[in-house]
């Protein structure tokens, strides 16, 4: 299990908890608000001509806008990339 986050290890070891989380996630991501959020992101990727082509991410800026940014930088921000945080 090397390389897995603490939560990934937990859910791998606890099938009931994983099933409960999957049920919650399914319900959460099917709400109208989440669908609209994904729709807006997809529209922005289409507008920029990168939809379905891989490459850079459309990243959110602090001011609320979006910009093109490498996947590595966008997904690693605030520890989201799975890197170990230094104490």
PDB file of N, CA and C in Angstrom:
ATOM      1  N   UNK A   1       0.811  -1.200   0.000  1.00  0.00           N
ATOM      2  CA  UNK A   1       0.000   0.000   0.000  1.00  0.00           C
ATOM      3  C   UNK A   1       0.854   1.263   0.000  1.00  0.00           C
ATOM      4  N   UNK A   2       2.086   1.170  -0.390  1.00  0.00           N
ATOM      5  CA  UNK A   2       2.962   2.340  -0.409  1.00  0.00           C
ATOM      6  C   UNK A   2       2.408   3.398  -1.358  1.00  0.00           C
ATOM      7  N   UNK A   3       2.520   4.660  -0.933  1.00  0.00           N
ATOM      8  CA  UNK A   3       2.077   5.750  -1.785  1.00  0.00           C
ATOM      9  C   UNK A   3       0.630   6.145  -1.595  1.00  0.00           C
ATOM     10  N   UNK A   4      -0.094   5.433  -0.746  1.00  0.00           N
ATOM     11  CA  UNK A   4      -1.493   5.777  -0.512  1.00  0.00           C
ATOM     12  C   UNK A   4      -1.613   6.739   0.659  1.00  0.00           C
ATOM     13  N   UNK A   5      -2.616   7.609   0.583  1.00  0.00           N
ATOM     14  CA  UNK A   5      -2.873   8.535   1.681  1.00  0.00           C
ATOM     15  C   UNK A   5      -3.452   7.765   2.865  1.00  0.00           C
ATOM     16  N   UNK A   6      -3.500   8.420   4.012  1.00  0.00           N
ATOM     17  CA  UNK A   6      -4.070   7.774   5.197  1.00  0.00           C
ATOM     18  C   UNK A   6      -5.519   7.380   4.954  1.00  0.00           C
ATOM     19  N   UNK A   7      -6.270   8.267   4.302  1.00  0.00           N
ATOM     20  CA  UNK A   7      -7.682   7.972   4.080  1.00  0.00           C
ATOM     21  C   UNK A   7      -7.843   6.812   3.094  1.00  0.00           C
ATOM     22  N   UNK A   8      -6.989   6.738   2.070  1.00  0.00           N
ATOM     23  CA  UNK A   8      -7.073   5.645   1.103  1.00  0.00           C
ATOM     24  C   UNK A   8      -6.783   4.310   1.792  1.00  0.00           C
ATOM     25  N   UNK A   9      -5.812   4.316   2.686  1.00  0.00           N
ATOM     26  CA  UNK A   9      -5.492   3.093   3.437  1.00  0.00           C
ATOM     27  C   UNK A   9      -6.666   2.700   4.325  1.00  0.00           C
ATOM     28  N   UNK A  10      -7.278   3.690   4.967  1.00  0.00           N
ATOM     29  CA  UNK A  10      -8.422   3.428   5.846  1.00  0.00           C
ATOM     30  C   UNK A  10      -9.573   2.785   5.072  1.00  0.00           C
ATOM     31  N   UNK A  11      -9.937   3.385   3.933  1.00  0.00           N
ATOM     32  CA  UNK A  11     -11.058   2.863   3.152  1.00  0.00           C
ATOM     33  C   UNK A  11     -10.746   1.505   2.549  1.00  0.00           C
ATOM     34  N   UNK A  12      -9.477   1.236   2.230  1.00  0.00           N
ATOM     35  CA  UNK A  12      -9.084  -0.076   1.711  1.00  0.00           C
ATOM     36  C   UNK A  12      -9.263  -1.147   2.785  1.00  0.00           C
ATOM     37  N   UNK A  13      -9.037  -0.758   4.051  1.00  0.00           N
ATOM     38  CA  UNK A  13      -9.131  -1.710   5.158  1.00  0.00           C
ATOM     39  C   UNK A  13     -10.535  -1.811   5.753  1.00  0.00           C
ATOM     40  N   UNK A  14     -11.437  -0.887   5.388  1.00  0.00           N
ATOM     41  CA  UNK A  14     -12.776  -0.857   5.974  1.00  0.00           C
ATOM     42  C   UNK A  14     -13.850  -0.789   4.889  1.00  0.00           C
ATOM     43  N   UNK A  15     -14.251  -1.933   4.343  1.00  0.00           N
ATOM     44  CA  UNK A  15     -15.218  -1.965   3.243  1.00  0.00           C
ATOM     45  C   UNK A  15     -16.562  -1.307   3.567  1.00  0.00           C
ATOM     46  N   UNK A  16     -17.026  -1.432   4.799  1.00  0.00           N
ATOM     47  CA  UNK A  16     -18.312  -0.808   5.162  1.00  0.00           C
ATOM     48  C   UNK A  16     -18.201   0.714   5.089  1.00  0.00           C
ATOM     49  N   UNK A  17     -17.093   1.242   5.590  1.00  0.00           N
ATOM     50  CA  UNK A  17     -16.876   2.690   5.543  1.00  0.00           C
ATOM     51  C   UNK A  17     -16.750   3.151   4.099  1.00  0.00           C
ATOM     52  N   UNK A  18     -16.073   2.362   3.266  1.00  0.00           N
ATOM     53  CA  UNK A  18     -15.919   2.725   1.854  1.00  0.00           C
ATOM     54  C   UNK A  18     -17.271   2.756   1.162  1.00  0.00           C
ATOM     55  N   UNK A  19     -18.130   1.789   1.457  1.00  0.00           N
ATOM     56  CA  UNK A  19     -19.466   1.738   0.856  1.00  0.00           C
ATOM     57  C   UNK A  19     -20.292   2.950   1.287  1.00  0.00           C
ATOM     58  N   UNK A  20     -20.168   3.326   2.568  1.00  0.00           N
ATOM     59  CA  UNK A  20     -20.906   4.485   3.081  1.00  0.00           C
ATOM     60  C   UNK A  20     -20.430   5.772   2.395  1.00  0.00           C
ATOM     61  N   UNK A  21     -19.106   5.900   2.247  1.00  0.00           N
ATOM     62  CA  UNK A  21     -18.547   7.082   1.581  1.00  0.00           C
ATOM     63  C   UNK A  21     -18.968   7.124   0.116  1.00  0.00           C
ATOM     64  N   UNK A  22     -18.961   5.988  -0.557  1.00  0.00           N
ATOM     65  CA  UNK A  22     -19.352   5.932  -1.965  1.00  0.00           C
ATOM     66  C   UNK A  22     -20.808   6.375  -2.123  1.00  0.00           C
ATOM     67  N   UNK A  23     -21.660   5.938  -1.211  1.00  0.00           N
ATOM     68  CA  UNK A  23     -23.067   6.314  -1.252  1.00  0.00           C
ATOM     69  C   UNK A  23     -23.218   7.829  -1.061  1.00  0.00           C
ATOM     70  N   UNK A  24     -22.473   8.377  -0.093  1.00  0.00           N
ATOM     71  CA  UNK A  24     -22.521   9.817   0.162  1.00  0.00           C
ATOM     72  C   UNK A  24     -22.011  10.588  -1.053  1.00  0.00           C
ATOM     73  N   UNK A  25     -20.856  10.167  -1.596  1.00  0.00           N
ATOM     74  CA  UNK A  25     -20.253  10.865  -2.733  1.00  0.00           C
ATOM     75  C   UNK A  25     -21.181  10.853  -3.945  1.00  0.00           C
ATOM     76  N   UNK A  26     -21.831   9.717  -4.184  1.00  0.00           N
ATOM     77  CA  UNK A  26     -22.767   9.610  -5.307  1.00  0.00           C
ATOM     78  C   UNK A  26     -23.899  10.618  -5.152  1.00  0.00           C
ATOM     79  N   UNK A  27     -24.443  10.707  -3.939  1.00  0.00           N
ATOM     80  CA  UNK A  27     -25.536  11.645  -3.674  1.00  0.00           C
ATOM     81  C   UNK A  27     -25.048  13.093  -3.818  1.00  0.00           C
ATOM     82  N   UNK A  28     -23.879  13.391  -3.263  1.00  0.00           N
ATOM     83  CA  UNK A  28     -23.332  14.753  -3.303  1.00  0.00           C
ATOM     84  C   UNK A  28     -23.059  15.204  -4.730  1.00  0.00           C
ATOM     85  N   UNK A  29     -22.419  14.363  -5.521  1.00  0.00           N
ATOM     86  CA  UNK A  29     -22.039  14.755  -6.875  1.00  0.00           C
ATOM     87  C   UNK A  29     -23.199  14.732  -7.866  1.00  0.00           C
ATOM     88  N   UNK A  30     -24.351  14.269  -7.441  1.00  0.00           N
ATOM     89  CA  UNK A  30     -25.513  14.289  -8.330  1.00  0.00           C
ATOM     90  C   UNK A  30     -26.453  15.455  -8.022  1.00  0.00           C
ATOM     91  N   UNK A  31     -26.060  16.339  -7.087  1.00  0.00           N
ATOM     92  CA  UNK A  31     -26.895  17.501  -6.775  1.00  0.00           C
ATOM     93  C   UNK A  31     -26.840  18.502  -7.925  1.00  0.00           C
ATOM     94  N   UNK A  32     -27.881  19.298  -8.103  1.00  0.00           N
ATOM     95  CA  UNK A  32     -27.895  20.295  -9.177  1.00  0.00           C
ATOM     96  C   UNK A  32     -26.715  21.270  -9.099  1.00  0.00           C
ATOM     97  N   UNK A  33     -26.301  21.628  -7.872  1.00  0.00           N
ATOM     98  CA  UNK A  33     -25.188  22.557  -7.712  1.00  0.00           C
ATOM     99  C   UNK A  33     -23.884  21.978  -8.261  1.00  0.00           C
ATOM    100  N   UNK A  34     -23.603  20.704  -7.967  1.00  0.00           N
ATOM    101  CA  UNK A  34     -22.362  20.081  -8.450  1.00  0.00           C
ATOM    102  C   UNK A  34     -22.404  19.881  -9.961  1.00  0.00           C
ATOM    103  N   UNK A  35     -23.575  19.561 -10.491  1.00  0.00           N
ATOM    104  CA  UNK A  35     -23.709  19.393 -11.941  1.00  0.00           C
ATOM    105  C   UNK A  35     -23.450  20.717 -12.650  1.00  0.00           C
ATOM    106  N   UNK A  36     -23.991  21.795 -12.088  1.00  0.00           N
ATOM    107  CA  UNK A  36     -23.787  23.126 -12.666  1.00  0.00           C
ATOM    108  C   UNK A  36     -22.308  23.518 -12.595  1.00  0.00           C
ATOM    109  N   UNK A  37     -21.647  23.206 -11.486  1.00  0.00           N
ATOM    110  CA  UNK A  37     -20.224  23.489 -11.312  1.00  0.00           C
ATOM    111  C   UNK A  37     -19.399  22.770 -12.384  1.00  0.00           C
ATOM    112  N   UNK A  38     -19.669  21.486 -12.583  1.00  0.00           N
ATOM    113  CA  UNK A  38     -18.947  20.718 -13.603  1.00  0.00           C
ATOM    114  C   UNK A  38     -19.252  21.244 -15.000  1.00  0.00           C
ATOM    115  N   UNK A  39     -20.496  21.660 -15.223  1.00  0.00           N
ATOM    116  CA  UNK A  39     -20.900  22.198 -16.516  1.00  0.00           C
ATOM    117  C   UNK A  39     -20.106  23.466 -16.836  1.00  0.00           C
ATOM    118  N   UNK A  40     -19.964  24.344 -15.853  1.00  0.00           N
ATOM    119  CA  UNK A  40     -19.210  25.587 -16.054  1.00  0.00           C
ATOM    120  C   UNK A  40     -17.744  25.296 -16.360  1.00  0.00           C
ATOM    121  N   UNK A  41     -17.161  24.337 -15.649  1.00  0.00           N
ATOM    122  CA  UNK A  41     -15.763  23.989 -15.904  1.00  0.00           C
ATOM    123  C   UNK A  41     -15.601  23.409 -17.312  1.00  0.00           C
ATOM    124  N   UNK A  42     -16.519  22.555 -17.712  1.00  0.00           N
ATOM    125  CA  UNK A  42     -16.459  21.963 -19.052  1.00  0.00           C
ATOM    126  C   UNK A  42     -16.628  23.036 -20.123  1.00  0.00           C
ATOM    127  N   UNK A  43     -17.536  23.980 -19.905  1.00  0.00           N
ATOM    128  CA  UNK A  43     -17.735  25.074 -20.860  1.00  0.00           C
ATOM    129  C   UNK A  43     -16.455  25.891 -21.026  1.00  0.00           C
ATOM    130  N   UNK A  44     -15.771  26.152 -19.920  1.00  0.00           N
ATOM    131  CA  UNK A  44     -14.524  26.919 -19.969  1.00  0.00           C
ATOM    132  C   UNK A  44     -13.450  26.157 -20.743  1.00  0.00           C
ATOM    133  N   UNK A  45     -13.369  24.834 -20.522  1.00  0.00           N
ATOM    134  CA  UNK A  45     -12.385  24.022 -21.263  1.00  0.00           C
ATOM    135  C   UNK A  45     -12.718  23.999 -22.758  1.00  0.00           C
ATOM    136  N   UNK A  46     -13.996  23.933 -23.089  1.00  0.00           N
ATOM    137  CA  UNK A  46     -14.396  23.973 -24.507  1.00  0.00           C
ATOM    138  C   UNK A  46     -14.024  25.310 -25.129  1.00  0.00           C
ATOM    139  N   UNK A  47     -14.308  26.407 -24.402  1.00  0.00           N
ATOM    140  CA  UNK A  47     -14.028  27.754 -24.878  1.00  0.00           C
ATOM    141  C   UNK A  47     -12.530  27.928 -25.166  1.00  0.00           C
ATOM    142  N   UNK A  48     -11.708  27.322 -24.332  1.00  0.00           N
ATOM    143  CA  UNK A  48     -10.260  27.442 -24.487  1.00  0.00           C
ATOM    144  C   UNK A  48      -9.681  26.400 -25.447  1.00  0.00           C
ATOM    145  N   UNK A  49     -10.533  25.505 -25.943  1.00  0.00           N
ATOM    146  CA  UNK A  49     -10.087  24.527 -26.924  1.00  0.00           C
ATOM    147  C   UNK A  49      -9.267  23.384 -26.375  1.00  0.00           C
ATOM    148  N   UNK A  50      -9.403  23.092 -25.091  1.00  0.00           N
ATOM    149  CA  UNK A  50      -8.609  22.009 -24.506  1.00  0.00           C
ATOM    150  C   UNK A  50      -9.467  20.832 -24.038  1.00  0.00           C
ATOM    151  N   UNK A  51     -10.757  20.905 -24.247  1.00  0.00           N
ATOM    152  CA  UNK A  51     -11.656  19.844 -23.796  1.00  0.00           C
ATOM    153  C   UNK A  51     -11.320  18.526 -24.496  1.00  0.00           C
ATOM    154  N   UNK A  52     -11.034  17.507 -23.703  1.00  0.00           N
ATOM    155  CA  UNK A  52     -10.782  16.182 -24.252  1.00  0.00           C
ATOM    156  C   UNK A  52      -9.411  15.999 -24.874  1.00  0.00           C
ATOM    157  N   UNK A  53      -8.516  16.973 -24.689  1.00  0.00           N
ATOM    158  CA  UNK A  53      -7.196  16.880 -25.318  1.00  0.00           C
ATOM    159  C   UNK A  53      -6.067  16.738 -24.317  1.00  0.00           C
ATOM    160  N   UNK A  54      -6.384  16.667 -23.035  1.00  0.00           N
ATOM    161  CA  UNK A  54      -5.329  16.593 -22.041  1.00  0.00           C
ATOM    162  C   UNK A  54      -4.654  17.946 -21.905  1.00  0.00           C
ATOM    163  N   UNK A  55      -3.380  17.931 -21.561  1.00  0.00           N
ATOM    164  CA  UNK A  55      -2.648  19.189 -21.449  1.00  0.00           C
ATOM    165  C   UNK A  55      -2.887  19.886 -20.131  1.00  0.00           C
ATOM    166  N   UNK A  56      -2.866  21.212 -20.164  1.00  0.00           N
ATOM    167  CA  UNK A  56      -2.978  22.004 -18.942  1.00  0.00           C
ATOM    168  C   UNK A  56      -4.393  21.985 -18.369  1.00  0.00           C
ATOM    169  N   UNK A  57      -4.457  22.261 -17.058  1.00  0.00           N
ATOM    170  CA  UNK A  57      -5.732  22.386 -16.357  1.00  0.00           C
ATOM    171  C   UNK A  57      -6.226  23.826 -16.456  1.00  0.00           C
ATOM    172  N   UNK A  58      -7.540  24.004 -16.365  1.00  0.00           N
ATOM    173  CA  UNK A  58      -8.100  25.327 -16.168  1.00  0.00           C
ATOM    174  C   UNK A  58      -8.164  25.486 -14.646  1.00  0.00           C
ATOM    175  N   UNK A  59      -7.319  26.352 -14.121  1.00  0.00           N
ATOM    176  CA  UNK A  59      -7.147  26.505 -12.683  1.00  0.00           C
ATOM    177  C   UNK A  59      -7.917  27.709 -12.165  1.00  0.00           C
ATOM    178  N   UNK A  60      -8.441  27.598 -10.948  1.00  0.00           N
ATOM    179  CA  UNK A  60      -9.144  28.713 -10.319  1.00  0.00           C
ATOM    180  C   UNK A  60      -8.146  29.660  -9.668  1.00  0.00           C
ATOM    181  N   UNK A  61      -8.348  30.961  -9.860  1.00  0.00           N
ATOM    182  CA  UNK A  61      -7.503  31.970  -9.231  1.00  0.00           C
ATOM    183  C   UNK A  61      -8.187  32.480  -7.970  1.00  0.00           C
ATOM    184  N   UNK A  62      -7.430  33.108  -7.095  1.00  0.00           N
ATOM    185  CA  UNK A  62      -7.981  33.618  -5.836  1.00  0.00           C
ATOM    186  C   UNK A  62      -9.105  34.612  -6.054  1.00  0.00           C
ATOM    187  N   UNK A  63      -9.011  35.427  -7.110  1.00  0.00           N
ATOM    188  CA  UNK A  63     -10.017  36.441  -7.375  1.00  0.00           C
ATOM    189  C   UNK A  63     -11.314  35.887  -7.945  1.00  0.00           C
ATOM    190  N   UNK A  64     -11.347  34.596  -8.281  1.00  0.00           N
ATOM    191  CA  UNK A  64     -12.565  33.987  -8.800  1.00  0.00           C
ATOM    192  C   UNK A  64     -12.503  33.650 -10.277  1.00  0.00           C
ATOM    193  N   UNK A  65     -11.488  34.136 -10.976  1.00  0.00           N
ATOM    194  CA  UNK A  65     -11.350  33.837 -12.396  1.00  0.00           C
ATOM    195  C   UNK A  65     -10.666  32.504 -12.618  1.00  0.00           C
ATOM    196  N   UNK A  66     -10.336  32.245 -13.875  1.00  0.00           N
ATOM    197  CA  UNK A  66      -9.631  31.017 -14.198  1.00  0.00           C
ATOM    198  C   UNK A  66      -8.432  31.333 -15.080  1.00  0.00           C
ATOM    199  N   UNK A  67      -7.476  30.423 -15.072  1.00  0.00           N
ATOM    200  CA  UNK A  67      -6.284  30.558 -15.898  1.00  0.00           C
ATOM    201  C   UNK A  67      -5.788  29.167 -16.265  1.00  0.00           C
ATOM    202  N   UNK A  68      -4.968  29.080 -17.294  1.00  0.00           N
ATOM    203  CA  UNK A  68      -4.382  27.802 -17.667  1.00  0.00           C
ATOM    204  C   UNK A  68      -3.144  27.580 -16.805  1.00  0.00           C
ATOM    205  N   UNK A  69      -3.010  26.352 -16.277  1.00  0.00           N
ATOM    206  CA  UNK A  69      -1.892  26.045 -15.401  1.00  0.00           C
ATOM    207  C   UNK A  69      -1.561  24.571 -15.547  1.00  0.00           C
ATOM    208  N   UNK A  70      -0.286  24.241 -15.367  1.00  0.00           N
ATOM    209  CA  UNK A  70       0.113  22.840 -15.493  1.00  0.00           C
ATOM    210  C   UNK A  70      -0.622  22.008 -14.441  1.00  0.00           C
ATOM    211  N   UNK A  71      -0.899  20.767 -14.779  1.00  0.00           N
ATOM    212  CA  UNK A  71      -1.602  19.872 -13.849  1.00  0.00           C
ATOM    213  C   UNK A  71      -0.827  19.727 -12.544  1.00  0.00           C
ATOM    214  N   UNK A  72       0.495  19.607 -12.660  1.00  0.00           N
ATOM    215  CA  UNK A  72       1.330  19.397 -11.481  1.00  0.00           C
ATOM    216  C   UNK A  72       1.171  20.529 -10.476  1.00  0.00           C
ATOM    217  N   UNK A  73       1.267  21.760 -10.941  1.00  0.00           N
ATOM    218  CA  UNK A  73       1.150  22.909 -10.032  1.00  0.00           C
ATOM    219  C   UNK A  73      -0.263  23.054  -9.490  1.00  0.00           C
ATOM    220  N   UNK A  74      -1.263  22.880 -10.359  1.00  0.00           N
ATOM    221  CA  UNK A  74      -2.652  23.065  -9.940  1.00  0.00           C
ATOM    222  C   UNK A  74      -3.068  22.034  -8.895  1.00  0.00           C
ATOM    223  N   UNK A  75      -2.708  20.795  -9.122  1.00  0.00           N
ATOM    224  CA  UNK A  75      -3.185  19.728  -8.238  1.00  0.00           C
ATOM    225  C   UNK A  75      -2.341  19.569  -6.984  1.00  0.00           C
ATOM    226  N   UNK A  76      -1.162  20.151  -6.951  1.00  0.00           N
ATOM    227  CA  UNK A  76      -0.295  20.036  -5.775  1.00  0.00           C
ATOM    228  C   UNK A  76      -0.547  21.152  -4.776  1.00  0.00           C
ATOM    229  N   UNK A  77      -1.263  22.193  -5.177  1.00  0.00           N
ATOM    230  CA  UNK A  77      -1.482  23.341  -4.304  1.00  0.00           C
ATOM    231  C   UNK A  77      -2.218  22.929  -3.034  1.00  0.00           C
ATOM    232  N   UNK A  78      -1.794  23.464  -1.919  1.00  0.00           N
ATOM    233  CA  UNK A  78      -2.397  23.203  -0.601  1.00  0.00           C
ATOM    234  C   UNK A  78      -2.362  21.729  -0.213  1.00  0.00           C
ATOM    235  N   UNK A  79      -1.385  21.013  -0.684  1.00  0.00           N
ATOM    236  CA  UNK A  79      -1.225  19.618  -0.302  1.00  0.00           C
ATOM    237  C   UNK A  79      -2.189  18.677  -0.998  1.00  0.00           C
ATOM    238  N   UNK A  80      -2.912  19.147  -2.013  1.00  0.00           N
ATOM    239  CA  UNK A  80      -3.915  18.309  -2.663  1.00  0.00           C
ATOM    240  C   UNK A  80      -3.306  17.225  -3.534  1.00  0.00           C
ATOM    241  N   UNK A  81      -2.029  17.341  -3.881  1.00  0.00           N
ATOM    242  CA  UNK A  81      -1.388  16.380  -4.762  1.00  0.00           C
ATOM    243  C   UNK A  81      -0.944  15.107  -4.083  1.00  0.00           C
ATOM    244  N   UNK A  82      -1.185  14.980  -2.795  1.00  0.00           N
ATOM    245  CA  UNK A  82      -0.827  13.767  -2.085  1.00  0.00           C
ATOM    246  C   UNK A  82       0.587  13.792  -1.529  1.00  0.00           C
ATOM    247  N   UNK A  83       1.276  14.920  -1.663  1.00  0.00           N
ATOM    248  CA  UNK A  83       2.622  15.020  -1.116  1.00  0.00           C
ATOM    249  C   UNK A  83       2.542  15.110   0.408  1.00  0.00           C
ATOM    250  N   UNK A  84       3.528  14.532   1.082  1.00  0.00           N
ATOM    251  CA  UNK A  84       3.561  14.573   2.540  1.00  0.00           C
ATOM    252  C   UNK A  84       3.823  15.996   2.997  1.00  0.00           C
ATOM    253  N   UNK A  85       3.055  16.443   3.951  1.00  0.00           N
ATOM    254  CA  UNK A  85       3.261  17.793   4.487  1.00  0.00           C
ATOM    255  C   UNK A  85       4.403  17.766   5.501  1.00  0.00           C
ATOM    256  N   UNK A  86       5.236  18.810   5.453  1.00  0.00           N
ATOM    257  CA  UNK A  86       6.338  18.919   6.399  1.00  0.00           C
ATOM    258  C   UNK A  86       5.797  19.477   7.704  1.00  0.00           C
ATOM    259  N   UNK A  87       6.329  18.966   8.815  1.00  0.00           N
ATOM    260  CA  UNK A  87       5.894  19.417  10.139  1.00  0.00           C
ATOM    261  C   UNK A  87       6.744  20.535  10.640  1.00  0.00           C
TER     262      UNK A  87
END
